[in-house]
Structure formats: structure tokens, C-alpha cells
Amino acid sequence: MDTVTKTSPLTVKPLREDLPFGARIAGLTPENIMDPAVRQQLNDVFIERGMIAFENVEQTAKMQVMISEVFGPLKDHPVKMVERLDNDTLPGVITIRTDPNAGMVEIDGKKLLTWQPWHFDHSYNNELNRAGVLRAEIIAPEGGLTGFCDGIQLYNDLPEDIKKKAEGVEVVYSLDLDYSRQPYGLPKNFKEISGKGAALAEAAKAIPRSVHPAVWTRETGEKVAHISPYGQREIVGKSHEEGAKLFAELWDAVEATITPYFHQWEPGDMVIWDNWRMLHMATGCDPKYDRIMHRTTIKGDYGLGRWETEPKAPAAAADAMA
């Protein structure tokens, strides 16, 4: 997919030659991003590849918003305590920084800030946002990578018996993201030094838990394995013990099947990923380093999530939305 055409100012290359997902795009500017043909090309690449790493783009919040709006309208982050960059002129741009008060973990004896396990965003919501866009303001000199993996690749490479067990499974998620209540997806020799704070746990009590399918089918026909250990609580229709055993089996198989890409941030980078298809994670960085990221969230919904308090949509309706 190494392409550049006479009619497009963009250069499009694979993210990495051995990956079935992701693309690198160079040549995007504040001027040509308004070209309808360029916008269509960006959307086509995004649907096909699931994520795009933009290289050497203008590093402003305004440009981040312009890139985001190619793929859909912005959505404000649903958690009000999350830091915003500027609510008045740039609604929807949030800030992620190395703040010891926002949670610190230790892995293999090394303390890390902004570490997160594999997950998809807003699993704790009934609606699943379309995508996210990340931009680095301050890059840590070591660590601070963002990992991505592809749910289509995951499903295709899962053992057949696991595929059968995952079909029709609905997973219950909570906004309470305390690692002490997350028995899956944590590395060996993991320890939580400081949690995310009582405010998040209190906020979780104010909303119902959400439900999302472990496998779903895209309009383009591919099946997507899409589960997250982050905030996972139950399996619909199973006792807690049965659900825990099933989820552990599913997640162990998914984790063993992941073919990851870890993005090493460089000045001029922005990255967008399909939140309905991809999982992502953050490797964290040493607390002695500053690291500041800005993220936008893009509206949209695949139509298959619901609140736990709501009945499941009829099968015919769910199939039509898939």
C-alpha cells in the first residue's frame, strides 16, 4: 500500500510491513486537509487499516481538531474530572500527563506513571465512541510508548474452540478502574503504588454498568474480537465464578494471539485509531520524566452496547447494526 498519486498530496505506507493493520501518512497540511478528495482518502485508509500514524503534521490543538473532524464530530470526554485543554475554544481536547496523584504502578520493580493495560476506550459507556486521536506535547526520553493491536487479526488468529466460546458472549464493564478489582490483563510482578482516587470509584456508582459483545461483525464483513480486562466485571448470564473462568480463558487466548505495534512518539506525530476495532495500551514512563499527551474523542456508535439495566436488542436488530 505504498502509494502516492498525481491527484493526492499524501504519501501512504504500511505502518510496518509485517502487520495487517495500520498506515503511515505524510503530507497532510492545514490547507489540503479541507480537500474533499483528501478527506475521502483518509477515511478509506482508516476503514481499511484501523489506525493511522500521521507524520510531520502541524503540532497544534487546532490541527488535532481538524484531523479529528475528518472522521466525525468531536465528543466531550464522559468523565468530567478528566483535565481539559480548553473547554471554551477547543471543546473535546483532553490532557493526559504524568501526575503521581493520578495513579502509579510498579512492574518488575520499576515505578511507572500513565501505564494502562490493553483496553478499548469508554467500555464503561453504553455508546462506544468511533475513534481517538493522540498528540504528544512532551515526549518522555524513554518509555511512554502507546501499543496497538487489531481485533480483526485477533479473531482470525484465535483457536477455533475459543472463537466458538466467544460467540454471543456479552461482557459487563464498570467505570471503576481500580486495578485491585481487575484480576486479568496485569503483568506478573505488578503492584499498584497509588490508585486513581476515590472520586472515580464514586462516579462509577452513579451510572449503570455497561455491556458489550466479545465478538462483533463489521459492515465490511470481518469479525472483530473486542474484549478488555480493564474494568471487566461479569459475563451476562453466567454466575460470577463461571463468568470469571470463561473471561480468563478468553483473555488468555487473546493475549497470546496479539501481534502488537508499539508507537515510539516523535515530534510531528499524531495517531488515530478505530475504537470499535483496535485495542491499545500505554507502557508508562519513569516518574522522573514529564510526559504530556492531548487526546480528542470522535463521536459515533456501533450500536451493540447497552446499559446492564437495559434489555438486549432483538437478534435481528443487532445483526442489522453489525
Protein backbone atom coordinates (compact mmCIF):
# COMPACT_ATOMS: atom_id res chain seq x y z
CA MET A 1 0.00 0.00 0.00
CA ASP A 2 2.98 2.28 -0.57
CA THR A 3 1.13 4.90 -2.59
CA VAL A 4 1.41 8.43 -3.84
CA THR A 5 -0.70 9.63 -6.75
CA LYS A 6 -0.74 12.59 -9.09
CA THR A 7 -4.05 13.70 -7.62
CA SER A 8 -3.20 13.27 -3.92
CA PRO A 9 -0.62 15.20 -1.89
CA LEU A 10 -0.43 12.33 0.62
CA THR A 11 2.11 9.53 0.86
CA VAL A 12 0.58 6.38 2.35
CA LYS A 13 2.73 3.50 3.59
CA PRO A 14 2.15 0.44 5.80
CA LEU A 15 2.64 1.01 9.50
CA ARG A 16 5.00 -1.95 9.43
CA GLU A 17 5.47 -4.46 6.61
CA ASP A 18 4.53 -7.50 8.71
CA LEU A 19 1.28 -6.03 10.14
CA PRO A 20 -2.21 -6.48 8.65
CA PHE A 21 -3.29 -3.16 10.15
CA GLY A 22 -2.14 0.45 10.35
CA ALA A 23 -0.77 3.03 7.92
CA ARG A 24 1.70 5.90 7.94
CA ILE A 25 0.62 9.07 6.17
CA ALA A 26 2.82 12.06 5.35
CA GLY A 27 1.99 15.28 3.53
CA LEU A 28 -1.14 16.36 5.43
CA THR A 29 -1.39 20.14 5.95
CA PRO A 30 -4.00 22.60 7.28
CA GLU A 31 -4.64 23.59 3.65
CA ASN A 32 -5.05 20.23 1.90
CA ILE A 33 -7.00 18.66 4.76
CA MET A 34 -10.03 20.63 3.55
CA ASP A 35 -9.89 18.98 0.10
CA PRO A 36 -12.86 16.54 -0.19
CA ALA A 37 -10.72 14.04 -2.12
CA VAL A 38 -8.07 14.06 0.63
CA ARG A 39 -10.71 13.62 3.31
CA GLN A 40 -12.21 10.68 1.43
CA GLN A 41 -8.77 9.10 1.02
CA LEU A 42 -8.12 9.44 4.76
CA ASN A 43 -11.43 7.79 5.63
CA ASP A 44 -10.82 4.97 3.14
CA VAL A 45 -7.39 4.23 4.62
CA PHE A 46 -8.81 4.40 8.14
CA ILE A 47 -11.60 1.90 7.42
CA GLU A 48 -9.18 -0.48 5.71
CA ARG A 49 -6.26 -0.26 8.15
CA GLY A 50 -7.82 0.61 11.52
CA MET A 51 -5.25 3.19 12.58
CA ILE A 52 -3.11 5.91 11.01
CA ALA A 53 0.14 7.43 12.23
CA PHE A 54 0.38 10.93 10.74
CA GLU A 55 3.96 12.10 10.35
CA ASN A 56 5.29 15.67 10.37
CA VAL A 57 1.92 17.34 10.85
CA GLU A 58 1.45 20.76 12.43
CA GLN A 59 1.57 20.30 16.20
CA THR A 60 -1.30 22.44 17.36
CA ALA A 61 -4.54 21.62 19.11
CA LYS A 62 -6.35 23.31 16.21
CA MET A 63 -4.75 20.88 13.73
CA GLN A 64 -5.60 17.97 16.01
CA VAL A 65 -9.23 19.04 15.96
CA MET A 66 -9.13 19.46 12.17
CA ILE A 67 -7.76 15.94 11.74
CA SER A 68 -10.32 14.55 14.17
CA GLU A 69 -13.24 16.17 12.37
CA VAL A 70 -12.29 14.44 9.11
CA PHE A 71 -13.55 11.23 10.73
CA GLY A 72 -16.54 12.61 12.64
CA PRO A 73 -17.68 15.25 15.13
CA LEU A 74 -15.89 15.57 18.44
CA LYS A 75 -17.29 14.09 21.63
CA ASP A 76 -16.50 15.53 25.04
CA HIS A 77 -14.97 13.01 27.44
CA PRO A 78 -17.76 11.45 29.56
CA VAL A 79 -15.76 11.69 32.81
CA LYS A 80 -15.99 15.31 33.97
CA MET A 81 -12.96 15.15 36.29
CA VAL A 82 -10.63 14.50 33.32
CA GLU A 83 -8.42 17.54 32.58
CA ARG A 84 -9.47 19.59 29.53
CA LEU A 85 -7.08 21.64 27.43
CA ASP A 86 -9.54 24.48 26.74
CA ASN A 87 -13.27 23.98 27.11
CA ASP A 88 -14.16 27.32 25.51
CA THR A 89 -12.26 27.35 22.22
CA LEU A 90 -11.29 23.67 21.83
CA PRO A 91 -14.06 21.54 23.35
CA GLY A 92 -13.22 17.85 23.43
CA VAL A 93 -9.41 18.10 23.79
CA ILE A 94 -8.25 16.40 26.99
CA THR A 95 -4.81 16.30 28.60
CA ILE A 96 -3.03 13.18 29.88
CA ARG A 97 0.03 13.93 31.99
CA THR A 98 2.48 12.16 34.30
CA ASP A 99 0.77 13.03 37.58
CA PRO A 100 1.68 10.84 40.60
CA ASN A 101 -1.74 11.62 42.05
CA ALA A 102 -3.45 10.04 39.01
CA GLY A 103 -2.06 6.56 39.66
CA MET A 104 1.37 4.91 39.84
CA VAL A 105 2.20 1.25 39.30
CA GLU A 106 5.28 -0.90 39.69
CA ILE A 107 6.20 -3.62 37.17
CA ASP A 108 9.26 -5.79 37.75
CA GLY A 109 10.38 -3.35 40.42
CA LYS A 110 10.16 -0.30 38.14
CA LYS A 111 7.76 2.52 39.02
CA LEU A 112 5.67 3.85 36.11
CA LEU A 113 3.20 6.66 35.53
CA THR A 114 0.41 6.65 32.88
CA TRP A 115 0.65 2.85 32.47
CA GLN A 116 -2.57 1.22 31.23
CA PRO A 117 -3.34 -2.36 30.20
CA TRP A 118 -4.87 -3.38 26.86
CA HIS A 119 -8.33 -1.86 26.52
CA PHE A 120 -10.80 -0.08 24.28
CA ASP A 121 -11.95 3.39 25.26
CA HIS A 122 -15.20 4.08 27.07
CA SER A 123 -16.04 0.40 27.56
CA TYR A 124 -17.96 1.65 30.62
CA ASN A 125 -20.40 3.55 28.36
CA ASN A 126 -23.40 2.14 26.51
CA GLU A 127 -22.22 4.00 23.40
CA LEU A 128 -18.78 3.26 22.01
CA ASN A 129 -17.02 6.28 20.53
CA ARG A 130 -15.76 5.94 16.95
CA ALA A 131 -12.10 6.78 17.42
CA GLY A 132 -9.44 8.66 19.35
CA VAL A 133 -6.62 10.95 18.22
CA LEU A 134 -3.42 11.39 20.26
CA ARG A 135 -0.79 14.13 20.03
CA ALA A 136 2.36 14.40 22.13
CA GLU A 137 3.22 17.77 23.67
CA ILE A 138 6.10 16.48 25.81
CA ILE A 139 7.72 13.13 24.91
CA ALA A 140 9.48 11.12 27.61
CA PRO A 141 13.11 10.34 26.64
CA GLU A 142 12.48 6.67 27.36
CA GLY A 143 9.31 4.63 27.74
CA GLY A 144 5.99 6.36 27.16
CA LEU A 145 5.07 4.18 24.15
CA THR A 146 1.49 3.54 23.03
CA GLY A 147 0.67 -0.01 21.98
CA PHE A 148 -1.97 -1.03 19.44
CA CYS A 149 -3.40 -4.38 18.33
CA ASP A 150 -6.07 -5.28 15.81
CA GLY A 151 -9.32 -7.06 16.72
CA ILE A 152 -9.67 -8.45 13.19
CA GLN A 153 -6.22 -10.04 13.39
CA LEU A 154 -7.06 -11.30 16.88
CA TYR A 155 -10.25 -13.01 15.76
CA ASN A 156 -8.68 -14.52 12.66
CA ASP A 157 -5.79 -15.99 14.67
CA LEU A 158 -7.73 -17.25 17.69
CA PRO A 159 -8.08 -21.03 18.08
CA GLU A 160 -11.38 -22.32 16.69
CA ASP A 161 -12.59 -23.56 20.08
CA ILE A 162 -12.06 -20.09 21.58
CA LYS A 163 -13.96 -18.47 18.69
CA LYS A 164 -16.93 -20.74 19.43
CA LYS A 165 -16.81 -19.94 23.15
CA ALA A 166 -16.64 -16.19 22.43
CA GLU A 167 -19.63 -16.11 20.06
CA GLY A 168 -22.63 -14.50 21.70
CA VAL A 169 -20.73 -13.63 24.89
CA GLU A 170 -21.62 -10.26 26.42
CA VAL A 171 -19.15 -8.67 28.82
CA VAL A 172 -20.11 -6.31 31.68
CA TYR A 173 -17.82 -3.31 32.28
CA SER A 174 -17.60 -0.69 35.04
CA LEU A 175 -16.13 2.81 35.27
CA ASP A 176 -14.44 1.66 38.49
CA LEU A 177 -10.97 1.07 37.02
CA ASP A 178 -9.12 0.29 40.24
CA TYR A 179 -6.54 -2.39 39.47
CA SER A 180 -7.26 -4.17 42.76
CA ARG A 181 -10.61 -5.17 41.24
CA GLN A 182 -9.11 -6.26 37.91
CA PRO A 183 -7.89 -9.87 38.04
CA TYR A 184 -6.98 -10.09 34.34
CA GLY A 185 -4.56 -8.39 31.98
CA LEU A 186 -2.00 -7.34 34.56
CA PRO A 187 1.67 -8.28 34.13
CA LYS A 188 3.46 -10.60 36.51
CA ASN A 189 5.27 -8.75 39.29
CA PHE A 190 2.65 -5.97 39.10
CA LYS A 191 1.87 -3.73 42.05
CA GLU A 192 -0.34 -0.66 42.30
CA ILE A 193 1.51 2.03 44.24
CA SER A 194 -1.23 4.66 44.19
CA GLY A 195 -4.75 4.33 42.82
CA LYS A 196 -6.84 6.55 40.59
CA GLY A 197 -8.60 8.11 43.56
CA ALA A 198 -11.89 7.71 45.33
CA ALA A 199 -13.62 10.22 43.05
CA LEU A 200 -13.57 7.82 40.09
CA ALA A 201 -14.97 4.97 42.17
CA GLU A 202 -17.73 7.29 43.42
CA ALA A 203 -18.51 8.40 39.86
CA ALA A 204 -18.83 4.73 38.88
CA LYS A 205 -21.56 4.23 41.48
CA ALA A 206 -23.67 6.93 39.81
CA ILE A 207 -24.04 5.13 36.46
CA PRO A 208 -25.13 1.61 35.48
CA ARG A 209 -22.56 -0.87 34.29
CA SER A 210 -22.29 -1.32 30.53
CA VAL A 211 -22.50 -4.40 28.31
CA HIS A 212 -20.58 -5.04 25.06
CA PRO A 213 -20.17 -8.13 22.88
CA ALA A 214 -16.88 -10.05 22.95
CA VAL A 215 -17.13 -10.53 19.17
CA TRP A 216 -18.95 -8.44 16.59
CA THR A 217 -19.17 -8.25 12.78
CA ARG A 218 -18.28 -5.11 10.81
CA GLU A 219 -20.31 -3.79 7.89
CA THR A 220 -17.38 -4.88 5.71
CA GLY A 221 -17.90 -8.48 6.87
CA GLU A 222 -14.90 -9.07 9.15
CA LYS A 223 -15.39 -10.41 12.66
CA VAL A 224 -13.68 -8.47 15.46
CA ALA A 225 -12.52 -9.85 18.82
CA HIS A 226 -13.10 -6.91 21.14
CA ILE A 227 -12.73 -7.53 24.86
CA SER A 228 -10.92 -5.62 27.55
CA PRO A 229 -9.75 -6.71 31.01
CA TYR A 230 -9.83 -3.04 32.09
CA GLY A 231 -13.00 -2.55 34.14
CA GLN A 232 -14.39 -6.01 33.26
CA ARG A 233 -16.75 -7.31 35.95
CA GLU A 234 -19.08 -10.09 34.77
CA ILE A 235 -20.31 -12.19 31.84
CA VAL A 236 -24.03 -11.80 31.13
CA GLY A 237 -25.99 -14.93 32.02
CA LYS A 238 -23.16 -16.55 33.98
CA SER A 239 -22.56 -16.78 37.69
CA HIS A 240 -19.62 -14.71 38.89
CA GLU A 241 -17.46 -17.83 39.17
CA GLU A 242 -18.48 -19.21 35.75
CA GLY A 243 -18.05 -15.81 34.11
CA ALA A 244 -14.64 -15.29 35.67
CA LYS A 245 -13.45 -18.67 34.42
CA LEU A 246 -14.75 -18.01 30.89
CA PHE A 247 -13.35 -14.49 30.68
CA ALA A 248 -9.95 -15.66 31.93
CA GLU A 249 -9.88 -18.32 29.21
CA LEU A 250 -10.92 -15.83 26.51
CA TRP A 251 -8.47 -13.15 27.61
CA ASP A 252 -5.56 -15.57 27.95
CA ALA A 253 -6.20 -16.69 24.35
CA VAL A 254 -6.50 -13.09 23.11
CA GLU A 255 -3.33 -12.01 24.89
CA ALA A 256 -1.43 -14.97 23.43
CA THR A 257 -2.66 -14.01 19.93
CA ILE A 258 -1.86 -10.30 19.98
CA THR A 259 0.52 -9.07 17.29
CA PRO A 260 1.30 -5.64 18.76
CA TYR A 261 2.64 -2.40 17.39
CA PHE A 262 4.26 -0.01 19.88
CA HIS A 263 4.38 3.59 18.71
CA GLN A 264 7.55 5.43 19.64
CA TRP A 265 6.47 9.06 19.69
CA GLU A 266 8.40 11.55 17.56
CA PRO A 267 7.91 15.31 17.15
CA GLY A 268 5.31 15.86 14.43
CA ASP A 269 3.28 12.69 15.15
CA MET A 270 -0.45 12.30 15.59
CA VAL A 271 -2.19 8.93 15.75
CA ILE A 272 -5.81 7.95 15.19
CA TRP A 273 -7.24 4.51 15.92
CA ASP A 274 -10.60 2.81 15.38
CA ASN A 275 -12.06 2.25 18.85
CA TRP A 276 -14.55 -0.31 17.54
CA ARG A 277 -11.75 -2.46 16.13
CA MET A 278 -8.46 -1.81 17.94
CA LEU A 279 -7.22 -2.34 21.47
CA HIS A 280 -4.50 -0.07 22.81
CA MET A 281 -2.31 0.23 25.90
CA ALA A 282 0.26 2.57 27.43
CA THR A 283 3.67 1.34 28.57
CA GLY A 284 4.05 4.19 31.08
CA CYS A 285 7.28 6.01 31.89
CA ASP A 286 9.60 6.71 34.78
CA PRO A 287 8.11 9.24 37.25
CA LYS A 288 11.21 11.42 36.85
CA TYR A 289 10.15 12.28 33.28
CA ASP A 290 7.46 14.67 32.13
CA ARG A 291 5.07 13.32 29.51
CA ILE A 292 2.05 15.27 28.28
CA MET A 293 -0.39 13.99 25.66
CA HIS A 294 -3.54 15.54 24.23
CA ARG A 295 -6.43 13.42 23.05
CA THR A 296 -9.63 14.02 21.16
CA THR A 297 -12.57 11.65 21.06
CA ILE A 298 -14.67 11.18 17.94
CA LYS A 299 -18.42 10.57 18.20
CA GLY A 300 -20.12 7.52 16.83
CA ASP A 301 -21.56 4.24 17.98
CA TYR A 302 -21.55 0.73 16.60
CA GLY A 303 -24.98 0.17 18.13
CA LEU A 304 -24.22 -3.03 20.04
CA GLY A 305 -23.55 -1.72 23.55
CA ARG A 306 -26.16 -1.13 26.23
CA TRP A 307 -26.53 -0.42 29.91
CA GLU A 308 -26.80 -3.52 32.08
CA THR A 309 -30.21 -2.25 33.20
CA GLU A 310 -31.49 -2.33 29.60
CA PRO A 311 -32.74 -5.43 27.78
CA LYS A 312 -30.68 -6.87 24.97
CA ALA A 313 -31.73 -5.77 21.47
CA PRO A 314 -33.53 -8.46 19.41
CA ALA A 315 -31.10 -10.58 17.38
CA ALA A 316 -32.40 -9.30 14.05
CA ALA A 317 -31.85 -5.69 15.06
CA ALA A 318 -28.39 -6.43 16.41
CA ASP A 319 -27.44 -8.23 13.19
CA ALA A 320 -28.61 -5.26 11.15
CA MET A 321 -26.36 -2.92 13.14
CA ALA A 322 -23.30 -5.16 12.92
